[in-house]
Protein backbone atom coordinates (compact mmCIF):
# COMPACT_ATOMS: atom_id res chain seq x y z
CA THR A 1 0.00 0.00 0.00
CA LYS A 2 1.03 3.57 -0.63
CA ALA A 3 -0.44 6.77 0.75
CA PHE A 4 0.37 10.46 0.49
CA GLN A 5 -1.23 13.50 2.10
CA LEU A 6 -0.44 17.19 1.69
CA ALA A 7 -2.06 19.89 3.84
CA LEU A 8 -1.86 23.65 3.44
CA GLY A 9 -2.79 26.18 6.11
CA SER A 10 -3.01 23.68 8.95
CA SER A 11 -2.76 26.36 11.67
CA GLY A 12 -5.00 29.09 10.22
CA PRO A 13 -8.74 29.43 9.60
CA LEU A 14 -8.50 27.78 6.16
CA ARG A 15 -7.10 24.28 5.69
CA ILE A 16 -6.86 22.46 2.36
CA ALA A 17 -5.69 18.85 2.21
CA GLY A 18 -5.11 16.52 -0.70
CA THR A 19 -4.78 12.75 -0.39
CA TYR A 20 -3.66 9.90 -2.59
CA ALA A 21 -3.85 6.19 -1.72
CA LEU A 22 -2.95 3.12 -3.75
CA ASN A 23 -4.15 -0.29 -2.52
CA PRO A 24 -5.32 0.95 0.92
CA GLU A 25 -6.61 -1.41 3.60
CA ASP A 26 -10.35 -1.64 4.21
CA THR A 27 -11.90 -1.52 7.69
CA ALA A 28 -11.21 -5.25 8.16
CA GLY A 29 -7.49 -4.79 7.37
CA LYS A 30 -7.68 -6.41 3.92
CA ILE A 31 -5.68 -4.77 1.12
CA THR A 32 -7.95 -3.45 -1.63
CA THR A 33 -7.28 -3.07 -5.36
CA THR A 34 -8.21 0.61 -5.50
CA GLU A 35 -6.67 3.96 -6.18
CA ALA A 36 -8.19 6.96 -4.37
CA VAL A 37 -7.65 10.70 -4.79
CA GLY A 38 -9.27 13.21 -2.43
CA LEU A 39 -9.53 16.89 -1.64
CA ASN A 40 -10.81 18.30 1.67
CA VAL A 41 -11.41 21.92 2.68
CA ASN A 42 -12.02 23.20 6.24
CA LEU A 43 -12.91 26.80 7.00
CA ASN A 44 -13.22 28.07 10.57
CA LEU A 45 -14.86 31.49 10.97
CA GLY A 46 -15.06 31.84 14.76
CA VAL A 47 -18.40 30.34 15.79
CA LEU A 48 -19.07 28.93 12.31
CA GLY A 49 -17.20 26.08 10.67
CA LEU A 50 -17.57 24.75 7.13
CA THR A 51 -16.13 21.52 5.73
CA GLY A 52 -16.22 19.93 2.32
CA GLY A 53 -14.66 16.96 0.64
CA LEU A 54 -14.51 15.12 -2.65
CA THR A 55 -13.05 11.65 -3.21
CA GLN A 56 -12.69 9.70 -6.44
CA ARG A 57 -11.97 5.95 -6.21
CA SER A 58 -11.10 3.54 -8.99
CA ASP A 59 -10.96 -0.24 -8.67
CA TYR A 60 -8.45 -1.13 -11.35
CA VAL A 61 -9.24 -4.87 -11.26
CA LEU A 62 -13.06 -4.55 -11.54
CA GLY A 63 -12.89 -1.43 -13.71
CA THR A 64 -15.35 0.55 -11.56
CA ASP A 65 -15.22 4.16 -10.41
CA SER A 66 -16.98 5.75 -7.45
CA ARG A 67 -17.36 9.29 -6.16
CA GLU A 68 -18.03 10.66 -2.69
CA GLN A 69 -18.93 14.26 -1.83
CA GLU A 70 -19.47 15.62 1.68
CA ILE A 71 -20.36 19.00 3.09
CA GLY A 72 -20.65 19.92 6.74
CA LEU A 73 -21.52 22.85 8.96
CA SER A 74 -20.77 23.43 12.65
CA LEU A 75 -22.00 26.18 14.94
CA LYS A 76 -20.68 26.89 18.43
CA MET A 77 -23.58 27.52 20.80
CA PHE A 78 -24.20 28.55 24.41
CA GLY A 79 -20.49 29.03 25.11
CA HIS A 80 -19.86 25.31 25.69
CA GLY A 81 -21.78 23.56 22.92
CA LYS A 82 -21.40 22.74 19.27
CA LEU A 83 -24.13 21.85 16.77
CA THR A 84 -22.92 19.89 13.73
CA THR A 85 -24.65 18.74 10.59
CA SER A 86 -23.43 17.08 7.42
CA TYR A 87 -24.60 15.62 4.13
CA LYS A 88 -22.66 12.95 2.27
CA THR A 89 -23.40 11.30 -1.05
CA ALA A 90 -21.66 8.43 -2.80
CA SER A 91 -22.30 7.03 -6.26
CA LEU A 92 -21.18 4.32 -8.63
CA PRO A 93 -21.89 5.76 -12.09
CA GLY A 94 -23.05 3.19 -14.62
CA VAL A 95 -24.15 0.74 -11.92
CA SER A 96 -27.33 2.59 -10.80
CA ARG A 97 -26.21 2.60 -7.19
CA ALA A 98 -25.98 5.59 -4.87
CA SER A 99 -26.25 6.46 -1.20
CA GLU A 100 -26.91 9.53 0.93
CA MET A 101 -26.19 10.18 4.60
CA TYR A 102 -27.59 13.02 6.71
CA ARG A 103 -26.10 13.62 10.17
CA LEU A 104 -27.06 15.96 12.99
CA GLY A 105 -25.30 16.16 16.34
CA TYR A 106 -24.81 18.27 19.42
CA THR A 107 -21.87 18.18 21.83
CA HIS A 108 -21.92 19.97 25.18
CA ILE A 109 -18.66 20.39 27.10
CA VAL A 110 -18.97 20.42 30.88
CA GLY A 111 -15.72 21.58 32.43
CA PRO A 112 -12.24 20.74 31.17
CA SER A 113 -12.64 16.95 31.19
CA PHE A 114 -16.27 15.95 30.48
CA SER A 115 -18.53 16.13 27.41
CA LEU A 116 -21.90 14.77 26.27
CA THR A 117 -22.71 14.11 22.61
CA LEU A 118 -26.09 13.31 21.06
CA SER A 119 -26.26 12.49 17.36
CA GLY A 120 -28.49 10.98 14.75
CA GLU A 121 -28.21 9.93 11.15
CA LEU A 122 -30.35 8.90 8.20
CA ASN A 123 -28.89 6.62 5.52
CA ARG A 124 -30.54 6.12 2.15
CA SER A 125 -29.40 3.62 -0.46
CA PHE A 126 -30.64 3.60 -4.04
CA ILE A 127 -29.96 0.34 -5.87
CA GLY A 128 -31.51 0.02 -9.32
CA GLY A 129 -35.01 1.39 -8.79
CA GLY A 130 -35.28 0.47 -5.09
CA LEU A 131 -34.80 2.58 -1.99
CA SER A 132 -33.79 1.45 1.49
CA GLU A 133 -33.50 3.67 4.54
CA SER A 134 -31.93 3.20 7.94
CA TYR A 135 -31.90 5.48 10.97
CA GLY A 136 -29.57 5.66 13.92
CA ALA A 137 -29.05 7.65 17.09
CA THR A 138 -26.21 7.66 19.59
CA ALA A 139 -25.43 9.23 22.91
CA SER A 140 -21.89 9.25 24.23
CA LEU A 141 -20.01 10.57 27.23
CA GLY A 142 -16.47 11.86 26.87
CA LEU A 143 -13.86 11.93 29.62
CA ARG A 144 -10.45 13.52 29.28
CA PHE A 145 -7.65 12.40 31.60
């Protein structure tokens, strides 16, 4: 496997990062036969944060291409909270397969070492002419030592 990442402006309000990966491992640790190129942009404007990303993947053995786009927004609230939302879409052109993911979350920080996060997501998959949806919600506690 090979991977390369270049980031510009990592300490300022604007950060741009490009990535390249050849034969990366999947979540199970298995080496894949793909090549991926990505571009991510993060903009922090005080209480408002914007993120965006675009990834193009090619499986050179199967001859398939896929695209992923994501956009996100965060808003600092109440002095110790942060509301986040994002939309992500992925598609396999020529295969009639696509997916969408909507996320919404809130994190509240209580003191220097404790946080509470509530989040939910909606996943939609379009395969051929069919649609399937799944929903999820999580609550998590964070502790910093």
